[in-house]
Amino acid sequence: MSDLPFALATPGARDLLARVIDLEGKIPRALEALGPLADRDVVLCDADAGLRARQLAALAARVTALVPQQRLAEARRAFGSTRRRVPITVAAGTSQATGLPAGFADAIVSLWAGFRGGTDEEVAEADRILRPGGRLLVLHDYARDDVSRFAGETAVAEAVEWSHRHGWFLTHGFKVRVIHAWWTFADLADARAVLTGLFGERGTSVADELRRARLSYKLAIYHRDRLAPVGDGGLA
């Protein structure tokens, strides 16, 4: 689910959502600012169909896109034409068990799917494969926006909890940068068609309240440097 913030059942629905999210490109620009990622070895966890991997590669990152073993063949087909144009390698692995050698990466990027709070195993694996000075960048919804009306109370409460000073991320060495982005539609009729297609009656209800053809969308990137293990010149 690293391409999009909602798990959608059909390619058509995923395409609908992908064409309206963050048309300004604030997500890749923020990742590059916090990395940087250009001319570096970057691991993308749960790489999905390739949208975010292509964005990272467009930043001149050398991308290793991790997908679960059961999705490996499908992912390689999806990335097939992409690999001929930009340096993207597809490999089987997860954020808990990347299958990559120690010191492999300059940065690890996870969008929506992983590192969902209390994930010490994932962070330990990230620190193992990051080089000294490496960066871990984890993006989640920040909530407190128009889009959160589609997420459900539990998901919104989780996102808000993560961003608090006492939340898991900020008490485990992460800092946070908030991105103010948008879902942008061609016009109000397009907004109604897209939101109804994605979310049914709830989408129609939200669309009918719109006075402009966009929804506010806030994201949080939790970021931190690699924490070196004991004996590696870093902290315990």
Protein backbone atom coordinates (compact mmCIF):
# COMPACT_ATOMS: atom_id res chain seq x y z
CA MET A 1 0.00 0.00 0.00
CA SER A 2 2.96 2.35 -0.31
CA ASP A 3 1.64 4.08 -3.42
CA LEU A 4 -1.65 5.25 -1.89
CA PRO A 5 -3.13 5.92 1.56
CA PHE A 6 -6.19 3.70 1.06
CA ALA A 7 -6.33 0.02 0.15
CA LEU A 8 -8.52 -0.15 -2.96
CA ALA A 9 -9.74 -3.35 -4.57
CA THR A 10 -9.44 -2.59 -8.28
CA PRO A 11 -6.81 -1.04 -10.57
CA GLY A 12 -9.46 1.39 -11.79
CA ALA A 13 -10.08 2.71 -8.30
CA ARG A 14 -6.35 2.99 -7.63
CA ASP A 15 -5.90 4.94 -10.86
CA LEU A 16 -8.72 7.30 -9.87
CA LEU A 17 -7.07 8.07 -6.56
CA ALA A 18 -3.54 8.30 -7.94
CA ARG A 19 -4.52 10.98 -10.44
CA VAL A 20 -5.80 13.41 -7.79
CA ILE A 21 -3.32 13.02 -4.89
CA ASP A 22 -0.53 15.57 -4.45
CA LEU A 23 -0.41 16.86 -8.01
CA GLU A 24 2.06 19.48 -6.78
CA GLY A 25 4.63 16.80 -5.95
CA LYS A 26 5.08 17.85 -2.34
CA ILE A 27 5.66 14.29 -1.14
CA PRO A 28 8.79 13.54 -3.25
CA ARG A 29 10.16 17.05 -2.68
CA ALA A 30 9.85 16.67 1.09
CA LEU A 31 11.49 13.22 1.01
CA GLU A 32 14.39 14.63 -0.98
CA ALA A 33 14.76 17.57 1.43
CA LEU A 34 14.86 15.22 4.42
CA GLY A 35 17.14 12.65 2.78
CA PRO A 36 18.63 13.69 0.53
CA LEU A 37 17.95 10.87 -1.93
CA ALA A 38 19.56 11.98 -5.19
CA ASP A 39 22.48 9.77 -6.30
CA ARG A 40 21.96 7.52 -3.26
CA ASP A 41 20.88 3.90 -2.69
CA VAL A 42 17.29 4.06 -1.49
CA VAL A 43 15.13 1.17 -0.29
CA LEU A 44 11.38 1.60 -0.73
CA CYS A 45 9.34 -0.71 1.49
CA ASP A 46 6.11 -2.31 0.20
CA ALA A 47 6.58 -0.82 -3.25
CA ASP A 48 3.13 -1.61 -4.68
CA ALA A 49 2.61 -0.84 -8.40
CA GLY A 50 5.44 1.59 -8.89
CA LEU A 51 4.13 5.17 -8.60
CA ARG A 52 6.29 6.15 -5.62
CA ALA A 53 9.28 4.13 -6.83
CA ARG A 54 9.19 6.09 -10.08
CA GLN A 55 8.98 9.36 -8.16
CA LEU A 56 12.06 8.41 -6.13
CA ALA A 57 13.91 7.35 -9.27
CA ALA A 58 13.00 10.69 -10.86
CA LEU A 59 14.92 12.30 -7.99
CA ALA A 60 17.99 10.39 -9.29
CA ALA A 61 17.84 7.84 -6.47
CA ARG A 62 18.98 4.26 -7.11
CA VAL A 63 15.82 2.50 -5.92
CA THR A 64 15.43 -1.00 -4.54
CA ALA A 65 11.69 -1.65 -4.38
CA LEU A 66 10.75 -4.30 -1.82
CA VAL A 67 7.58 -6.35 -2.19
CA PRO A 68 6.36 -9.49 -0.37
CA GLN A 69 7.44 -12.75 -1.99
CA GLN A 70 3.88 -13.60 -3.07
CA ARG A 71 3.69 -10.37 -5.08
CA LEU A 72 7.16 -10.53 -6.60
CA ALA A 73 6.21 -11.80 -10.07
CA GLU A 74 3.34 -9.31 -10.33
CA ALA A 75 5.59 -6.44 -9.23
CA ARG A 76 8.30 -7.33 -11.72
CA ARG A 77 5.74 -7.26 -14.51
CA ALA A 78 4.48 -3.87 -13.31
CA PHE A 79 8.01 -2.48 -13.15
CA GLY A 80 9.11 -4.08 -16.42
CA SER A 81 8.98 -1.03 -18.68
CA THR A 82 10.15 1.23 -15.85
CA ARG A 83 13.41 -0.66 -15.30
CA ARG A 84 14.55 0.11 -18.82
CA ARG A 85 14.31 3.86 -18.19
CA VAL A 86 15.28 4.38 -14.57
CA PRO A 87 17.40 2.41 -12.05
CA ILE A 88 14.75 0.46 -10.10
CA THR A 89 15.50 -3.02 -8.76
CA VAL A 90 12.62 -5.16 -7.53
CA ALA A 91 13.32 -7.62 -4.70
CA ALA A 92 11.38 -9.77 -2.26
CA GLY A 93 11.35 -8.45 1.30
CA THR A 94 9.46 -6.58 4.00
CA SER A 95 10.32 -3.80 6.41
CA GLN A 96 10.80 -6.42 9.17
CA ALA A 97 12.96 -8.71 7.00
CA THR A 98 14.40 -6.90 4.01
CA GLY A 99 16.72 -9.70 2.91
CA LEU A 100 19.34 -7.04 2.14
CA PRO A 101 22.93 -7.04 3.41
CA ALA A 102 24.08 -4.83 6.27
CA GLY A 103 25.10 -1.35 5.21
CA PHE A 104 23.23 -1.63 1.90
CA ALA A 105 21.32 1.66 1.84
CA ASP A 106 21.75 5.37 2.29
CA ALA A 107 18.03 5.83 2.97
CA ILE A 108 14.89 3.81 3.62
CA VAL A 109 11.47 5.15 2.65
CA SER A 110 8.18 3.75 3.90
CA LEU A 111 4.86 5.27 2.86
CA TRP A 112 1.67 4.43 4.76
CA ALA A 113 2.13 0.65 4.96
CA GLY A 114 4.88 0.05 7.53
CA PHE A 115 6.31 1.45 10.76
CA ARG A 116 2.90 1.89 12.30
CA GLY A 117 4.03 2.71 15.81
CA GLY A 118 5.64 0.38 18.36
CA THR A 119 7.65 -1.21 15.56
CA ASP A 120 11.03 -1.82 17.20
CA GLU A 121 11.78 -4.78 14.91
CA GLU A 122 11.32 -2.68 11.78
CA VAL A 123 13.54 0.08 13.12
CA ALA A 124 16.25 -2.42 14.12
CA GLU A 125 16.18 -3.88 10.59
CA ALA A 126 16.38 -0.38 9.14
CA ASP A 127 19.41 0.46 11.27
CA ARG A 128 21.04 -2.82 10.19
CA ILE A 129 20.86 -2.13 6.47
CA LEU A 130 21.52 1.63 6.64
CA ARG A 131 25.02 2.95 6.24
CA PRO A 132 26.52 5.37 8.76
CA GLY A 133 24.71 8.67 8.28
CA GLY A 134 21.76 6.87 6.66
CA ARG A 135 18.21 8.16 6.95
CA LEU A 136 14.88 6.50 7.76
CA LEU A 137 11.86 8.36 6.32
CA VAL A 138 8.37 7.17 7.27
CA LEU A 139 5.26 8.83 5.82
CA HIS A 140 1.78 8.55 7.33
CA ASP A 141 -1.39 10.59 7.22
CA TYR A 142 -1.44 13.44 9.73
CA ALA A 143 -5.27 13.63 9.76
CA ARG A 144 -6.87 16.96 10.82
CA ASP A 145 -7.95 17.53 7.21
CA ASP A 146 -10.76 16.94 4.71
CA VAL A 147 -9.48 13.53 3.63
CA SER A 148 -9.62 12.12 7.16
CA ARG A 149 -13.41 11.93 6.77
CA PHE A 150 -12.81 8.80 4.68
CA ALA A 151 -10.35 7.13 7.03
CA GLY A 152 -12.60 6.08 9.91
CA GLU A 153 -12.38 7.01 13.58
CA THR A 154 -9.79 4.36 14.51
CA ALA A 155 -7.38 5.30 11.74
CA VAL A 156 -7.71 9.01 12.48
CA ALA A 157 -7.12 8.47 16.21
CA GLU A 158 -4.04 6.38 15.40
CA ALA A 159 -2.60 9.07 13.11
CA VAL A 160 -3.20 11.80 15.68
CA GLU A 161 -1.64 9.71 18.44
CA TRP A 162 1.53 9.14 16.41
CA SER A 163 2.05 12.87 15.94
CA HIS A 164 1.78 13.77 19.63
CA ARG A 165 4.91 14.53 21.66
CA HIS A 166 4.20 11.42 23.74
CA GLY A 167 3.50 9.27 20.66
CA TRP A 168 5.71 6.35 19.64
CA PHE A 169 7.66 8.13 16.90
CA LEU A 170 8.61 11.28 18.78
CA THR A 171 9.63 9.28 21.86
CA HIS A 172 11.87 7.01 19.75
CA GLY A 173 14.24 9.49 18.18
CA PHE A 174 12.12 10.64 15.24
CA LYS A 175 11.34 14.19 14.26
CA VAL A 176 8.27 15.09 12.21
CA ARG A 177 7.66 17.31 9.22
CA VAL A 178 4.05 18.07 8.26
CA ILE A 179 3.18 18.44 4.57
CA HIS A 180 0.12 20.46 3.57
CA ALA A 181 -1.02 18.80 0.34
CA TRP A 182 -4.25 18.40 -1.65
CA TRP A 183 -6.48 16.05 -3.54
CA THR A 184 -7.12 18.12 -6.66
CA PHE A 185 -9.95 17.54 -9.15
CA ALA A 186 -10.65 19.01 -12.57
CA ASP A 187 -13.88 20.59 -11.33
CA LEU A 188 -16.71 19.93 -8.87
CA ALA A 189 -18.35 17.40 -11.20
CA ASP A 190 -15.07 15.50 -11.42
CA ALA A 191 -14.74 15.59 -7.62
CA ARG A 192 -18.20 14.07 -7.25
CA ALA A 193 -17.50 11.34 -9.79
CA VAL A 194 -14.12 10.41 -8.27
CA LEU A 195 -15.21 10.50 -4.63
CA THR A 196 -18.40 8.57 -5.32
CA GLY A 197 -16.44 6.00 -7.30
CA LEU A 198 -13.97 5.56 -4.45
CA PHE A 199 -16.12 5.85 -1.34
CA GLY A 200 -19.74 5.41 -2.39
CA GLU A 201 -22.39 7.36 -0.49
CA ARG A 202 -19.84 8.88 1.89
CA GLY A 203 -17.89 10.22 -1.08
CA THR A 204 -21.04 11.66 -2.63
CA SER A 205 -21.93 13.37 0.64
CA VAL A 206 -18.50 14.98 0.95
CA ALA A 207 -18.49 16.03 -2.71
CA ASP A 208 -21.87 17.69 -2.37
CA GLU A 209 -20.45 19.95 0.35
CA LEU A 210 -17.48 21.13 -1.70
CA ARG A 211 -17.23 24.73 -2.87
CA ARG A 212 -13.87 24.24 -4.57
CA ALA A 213 -12.49 21.30 -6.49
CA ARG A 214 -10.00 20.03 -3.93
CA LEU A 215 -9.69 18.46 -0.49
CA SER A 216 -7.09 19.43 2.10
CA TYR A 217 -4.66 16.60 2.83
CA LYS A 218 -2.01 16.69 5.56
CA LEU A 219 0.81 14.16 5.82
CA ALA A 220 3.55 13.59 8.36
CA ILE A 221 7.05 12.40 7.54
CA TYR A 222 8.70 10.93 10.63
CA HIS A 223 12.45 11.01 10.06
CA ARG A 224 15.61 10.06 11.91
CA ASP A 225 19.24 9.18 11.38
CA ARG A 226 20.50 5.63 11.61
CA LEU A 227 21.14 4.70 15.22
CA ALA A 228 24.48 2.91 15.31
CA PRO A 229 24.63 -0.23 17.46
CA VAL A 230 27.06 -0.68 20.34
CA GLY A 231 30.56 -1.19 18.94
CA ASP A 232 29.76 0.78 15.80
CA GLY A 233 30.76 4.15 17.19
CA GLY A 234 27.19 5.15 18.04
CA LEU A 235 24.66 4.98 20.83
CA ALA A 236 23.44 1.87 22.56
